[in-house]
N, C-alpha and C. Protein backbone atom coordinates (compact mmCIF):
# COMPACT_ATOMS: atom_id res chain seq x y z
N MET A 1 -20.20 -23.52 211.79
CA MET A 1 -19.32 -22.81 212.67
C MET A 1 -19.27 -23.51 214.02
N HIS A 2 -20.42 -23.89 214.54
CA HIS A 2 -20.40 -24.42 215.91
C HIS A 2 -19.84 -25.82 215.98
N ASN A 3 -19.80 -26.54 214.91
CA ASN A 3 -19.15 -27.84 214.91
C ASN A 3 -17.83 -27.80 214.17
N GLY A 4 -17.34 -26.59 213.91
CA GLY A 4 -16.08 -26.45 213.19
C GLY A 4 -16.24 -26.61 211.70
N LYS A 5 -17.47 -26.68 211.22
CA LYS A 5 -17.71 -26.82 209.80
C LYS A 5 -18.02 -25.46 209.21
N HIS A 6 -17.42 -25.19 208.07
CA HIS A 6 -17.68 -23.96 207.35
C HIS A 6 -17.15 -24.13 205.95
N SER A 7 -17.49 -23.24 205.10
CA SER A 7 -17.06 -23.30 203.72
C SER A 7 -15.54 -23.22 203.62
N ASP A 8 -14.96 -23.95 202.68
CA ASP A 8 -13.51 -23.85 202.43
C ASP A 8 -13.13 -22.44 202.02
N LYS A 9 -14.05 -21.72 201.38
CA LYS A 9 -13.80 -20.33 200.99
C LYS A 9 -13.48 -19.50 202.23
N LEU A 10 -14.14 -19.78 203.31
CA LEU A 10 -13.95 -19.00 204.53
C LEU A 10 -12.57 -19.26 205.12
N SER A 11 -12.13 -20.49 205.15
CA SER A 11 -10.82 -20.81 205.70
C SER A 11 -9.70 -20.09 204.96
N SER A 12 -9.80 -20.01 203.65
CA SER A 12 -8.75 -19.35 202.89
C SER A 12 -8.85 -17.83 203.01
N ALA A 13 -10.02 -17.32 203.31
CA ALA A 13 -10.21 -15.87 203.40
C ALA A 13 -9.80 -15.31 204.75
N ILE A 14 -9.90 -16.10 205.80
CA ILE A 14 -9.64 -15.61 207.15
C ILE A 14 -8.60 -16.52 207.81
N PRO A 15 -7.33 -16.08 207.86
CA PRO A 15 -6.28 -16.93 208.42
C PRO A 15 -6.53 -17.35 209.86
N PHE A 16 -7.15 -16.51 210.66
CA PHE A 16 -7.40 -16.83 212.07
C PHE A 16 -8.79 -17.42 212.26
N CYS A 17 -9.30 -18.02 211.25
CA CYS A 17 -10.68 -18.51 211.16
C CYS A 17 -11.14 -19.33 212.37
N GLU A 18 -10.40 -20.34 212.75
CA GLU A 18 -10.87 -21.23 213.82
C GLU A 18 -11.05 -20.51 215.16
N ASP A 19 -10.11 -19.66 215.54
CA ASP A 19 -10.24 -18.93 216.79
C ASP A 19 -11.43 -17.99 216.75
N TRP A 20 -11.57 -17.29 215.65
CA TRP A 20 -12.67 -16.34 215.50
C TRP A 20 -14.01 -17.07 215.55
N LEU A 21 -14.10 -18.20 214.86
CA LEU A 21 -15.35 -18.96 214.84
C LEU A 21 -15.71 -19.50 216.22
N THR A 22 -14.72 -19.88 216.98
CA THR A 22 -14.97 -20.36 218.34
C THR A 22 -15.62 -19.27 219.18
N VAL A 23 -15.10 -18.07 219.09
CA VAL A 23 -15.65 -16.94 219.85
C VAL A 23 -17.06 -16.61 219.39
N VAL A 24 -17.25 -16.48 218.09
CA VAL A 24 -18.55 -16.10 217.53
C VAL A 24 -19.62 -17.13 217.86
N ASN A 25 -19.22 -18.37 217.91
CA ASN A 25 -20.19 -19.42 218.19
C ASN A 25 -20.75 -19.34 219.61
N GLN A 26 -20.09 -18.65 220.49
CA GLN A 26 -20.56 -18.52 221.86
C GLN A 26 -21.64 -17.45 222.01
N LEU A 27 -21.84 -16.65 220.98
CA LEU A 27 -22.84 -15.57 221.02
C LEU A 27 -24.25 -16.13 220.91
N ALA A 28 -25.17 -15.51 221.61
CA ALA A 28 -26.57 -15.90 221.52
C ALA A 28 -27.24 -15.29 220.28
N ASP A 29 -26.63 -14.24 219.73
CA ASP A 29 -27.17 -13.59 218.53
C ASP A 29 -26.88 -14.42 217.29
N LEU A 30 -27.74 -14.27 216.30
CA LEU A 30 -27.52 -14.95 215.03
C LEU A 30 -26.34 -14.30 214.31
N VAL A 31 -25.38 -15.11 213.91
CA VAL A 31 -24.22 -14.63 213.18
C VAL A 31 -24.00 -15.56 212.00
N MET A 32 -23.86 -14.96 210.82
CA MET A 32 -23.50 -15.76 209.66
C MET A 32 -22.59 -14.92 208.77
N ILE A 33 -21.78 -15.62 208.02
CA ILE A 33 -20.91 -14.97 207.06
C ILE A 33 -21.44 -15.33 205.68
N VAL A 34 -21.69 -14.28 204.90
CA VAL A 34 -22.29 -14.43 203.57
C VAL A 34 -21.38 -13.73 202.56
N ASP A 35 -21.14 -14.36 201.42
CA ASP A 35 -20.33 -13.69 200.41
C ASP A 35 -21.20 -12.78 199.54
N LEU A 36 -20.58 -12.09 198.60
CA LEU A 36 -21.31 -11.13 197.77
C LEU A 36 -22.27 -11.79 196.78
N ASN A 37 -22.22 -13.11 196.68
CA ASN A 37 -23.17 -13.86 195.85
C ASN A 37 -24.29 -14.47 196.69
N HIS A 38 -24.37 -14.02 197.95
CA HIS A 38 -25.41 -14.47 198.89
C HIS A 38 -25.19 -15.87 199.42
N GLU A 39 -24.06 -16.47 199.14
CA GLU A 39 -23.79 -17.82 199.62
C GLU A 39 -23.38 -17.77 201.09
N ILE A 40 -24.01 -18.59 201.89
CA ILE A 40 -23.69 -18.66 203.31
C ILE A 40 -22.42 -19.50 203.47
N LEU A 41 -21.42 -18.87 204.10
CA LEU A 41 -20.12 -19.53 204.28
C LEU A 41 -19.97 -20.15 205.67
N ALA A 42 -20.63 -19.56 206.67
CA ALA A 42 -20.55 -20.07 208.04
C ALA A 42 -21.72 -19.52 208.84
N VAL A 43 -22.12 -20.28 209.85
CA VAL A 43 -23.19 -19.84 210.76
C VAL A 43 -22.82 -20.25 212.17
N ASN A 44 -23.37 -19.55 213.13
CA ASN A 44 -23.16 -19.98 214.51
C ASN A 44 -24.35 -20.83 214.97
N HIS A 45 -24.24 -21.33 216.18
CA HIS A 45 -25.27 -22.23 216.71
C HIS A 45 -26.65 -21.58 216.76
N ALA A 46 -26.70 -20.28 217.04
CA ALA A 46 -27.99 -19.59 217.12
C ALA A 46 -28.75 -19.68 215.79
N VAL A 47 -28.05 -19.62 214.69
CA VAL A 47 -28.71 -19.71 213.38
C VAL A 47 -29.34 -21.09 213.20
N THR A 48 -28.62 -22.13 213.58
CA THR A 48 -29.19 -23.46 213.43
C THR A 48 -30.39 -23.66 214.35
N GLU A 49 -30.33 -23.06 215.53
CA GLU A 49 -31.46 -23.15 216.46
C GLU A 49 -32.69 -22.45 215.91
N ILE A 50 -32.53 -21.25 215.39
CA ILE A 50 -33.66 -20.47 214.88
C ILE A 50 -34.27 -21.10 213.62
N THR A 51 -33.41 -21.57 212.71
CA THR A 51 -33.91 -22.12 211.44
C THR A 51 -34.36 -23.57 211.57
N GLY A 52 -33.84 -24.27 212.57
CA GLY A 52 -34.15 -25.69 212.69
C GLY A 52 -33.39 -26.54 211.67
N LEU A 53 -32.40 -25.94 211.02
CA LEU A 53 -31.60 -26.64 210.03
C LEU A 53 -30.20 -26.88 210.58
N SER A 54 -29.55 -27.91 210.09
CA SER A 54 -28.17 -28.17 210.49
C SER A 54 -27.23 -27.29 209.68
N GLU A 55 -25.99 -27.19 210.13
CA GLU A 55 -24.99 -26.44 209.36
C GLU A 55 -24.87 -26.99 207.95
N GLU A 56 -24.87 -28.30 207.84
CA GLU A 56 -24.75 -28.94 206.53
C GLU A 56 -25.89 -28.54 205.60
N GLU A 57 -27.07 -28.30 206.16
CA GLU A 57 -28.22 -27.90 205.36
C GLU A 57 -28.19 -26.42 204.99
N ILE A 58 -27.41 -25.63 205.72
CA ILE A 58 -27.37 -24.19 205.51
C ILE A 58 -26.17 -23.74 204.67
N ILE A 59 -24.98 -24.20 205.03
CA ILE A 59 -23.76 -23.74 204.36
C ILE A 59 -23.79 -24.10 202.88
N GLY A 60 -23.48 -23.09 202.07
CA GLY A 60 -23.49 -23.27 200.62
C GLY A 60 -24.77 -22.81 199.96
N ARG A 61 -25.82 -22.65 200.76
CA ARG A 61 -27.09 -22.16 200.20
C ARG A 61 -27.11 -20.65 200.20
N LYS A 62 -28.04 -20.08 199.48
CA LYS A 62 -28.21 -18.64 199.44
C LYS A 62 -28.99 -18.20 200.68
N CYS A 63 -28.59 -17.06 201.23
CA CYS A 63 -29.24 -16.57 202.45
C CYS A 63 -30.74 -16.32 202.24
N TYR A 64 -31.10 -15.84 201.06
CA TYR A 64 -32.52 -15.57 200.80
C TYR A 64 -33.33 -16.85 200.71
N GLN A 65 -32.70 -17.97 200.36
CA GLN A 65 -33.40 -19.25 200.35
C GLN A 65 -33.68 -19.71 201.78
N VAL A 66 -32.68 -19.60 202.62
CA VAL A 66 -32.79 -20.09 204.00
C VAL A 66 -33.71 -19.22 204.84
N PHE A 67 -33.57 -17.90 204.73
CA PHE A 67 -34.30 -17.01 205.64
C PHE A 67 -35.60 -16.45 205.08
N HIS A 68 -35.77 -16.47 203.78
CA HIS A 68 -36.98 -15.89 203.18
C HIS A 68 -37.73 -16.85 202.27
N ALA A 69 -37.21 -18.07 202.12
CA ALA A 69 -37.80 -19.07 201.22
C ALA A 69 -38.08 -18.45 199.85
N ALA A 70 -37.12 -17.67 199.36
CA ALA A 70 -37.27 -16.96 198.09
C ALA A 70 -36.25 -17.48 197.08
N ASP A 71 -36.50 -17.17 195.81
CA ASP A 71 -35.57 -17.60 194.77
C ASP A 71 -34.67 -16.47 194.28
N LYS A 72 -34.80 -15.30 194.93
CA LYS A 72 -33.93 -14.16 194.60
C LYS A 72 -33.89 -13.22 195.80
N PRO A 73 -32.88 -12.35 195.84
CA PRO A 73 -32.79 -11.41 196.96
C PRO A 73 -33.95 -10.42 196.98
N ALA A 74 -34.30 -9.97 198.16
CA ALA A 74 -35.34 -8.94 198.31
C ALA A 74 -34.82 -7.60 197.79
N ASP A 75 -35.71 -6.70 197.49
CA ASP A 75 -35.33 -5.38 196.98
C ASP A 75 -34.43 -4.63 197.95
N ALA A 76 -34.68 -4.76 199.24
CA ALA A 76 -33.89 -4.05 200.24
C ALA A 76 -32.82 -4.95 200.87
N CYS A 77 -32.35 -5.93 200.14
CA CYS A 77 -31.36 -6.89 200.65
C CYS A 77 -30.07 -6.16 201.04
N PRO A 78 -29.58 -6.38 202.26
CA PRO A 78 -28.34 -5.72 202.69
C PRO A 78 -27.13 -6.07 201.82
N VAL A 79 -27.07 -7.29 201.33
CA VAL A 79 -25.95 -7.68 200.45
C VAL A 79 -26.01 -6.90 199.15
N GLU A 80 -27.20 -6.77 198.57
CA GLU A 80 -27.35 -6.02 197.33
C GLU A 80 -27.01 -4.54 197.54
N LEU A 81 -27.44 -4.00 198.67
CA LEU A 81 -27.12 -2.59 198.98
C LEU A 81 -25.61 -2.41 199.15
N LEU A 82 -24.97 -3.36 199.78
CA LEU A 82 -23.52 -3.30 199.94
C LEU A 82 -22.81 -3.33 198.58
N LYS A 83 -23.29 -4.19 197.70
CA LYS A 83 -22.68 -4.31 196.37
C LYS A 83 -22.80 -3.01 195.57
N GLN A 84 -23.79 -2.21 195.88
CA GLN A 84 -23.97 -0.93 195.19
C GLN A 84 -23.11 0.19 195.78
N SER A 85 -22.47 -0.10 196.92
CA SER A 85 -21.63 0.90 197.58
C SER A 85 -20.35 1.13 196.79
N PRO A 86 -19.88 2.37 196.77
CA PRO A 86 -18.60 2.65 196.09
C PRO A 86 -17.47 1.85 196.72
N GLY A 87 -16.59 1.35 195.89
CA GLY A 87 -15.43 0.62 196.38
C GLY A 87 -15.64 -0.86 196.55
N ILE A 88 -16.82 -1.36 196.28
CA ILE A 88 -17.08 -2.81 196.41
C ILE A 88 -16.94 -3.46 195.07
């Protein structure tokens, strides 16, 4: 996100992607976009600072791999809870 790099999936999903990413990248808070398969589509600069990884090393990987060094989602994973919500 902070170097203008993000998953191609994200560009097709969000027509105003570049403007939105520019704004989000200015935030000091960690921001990432993750799909329902846990794949990281974009991150802001704060994520790369906290993880010590580059965008290239993060985008396309599963969030649980990057943040928990795990091979599967945690039991209380927010993505898994969202997937269980009606209408998803």
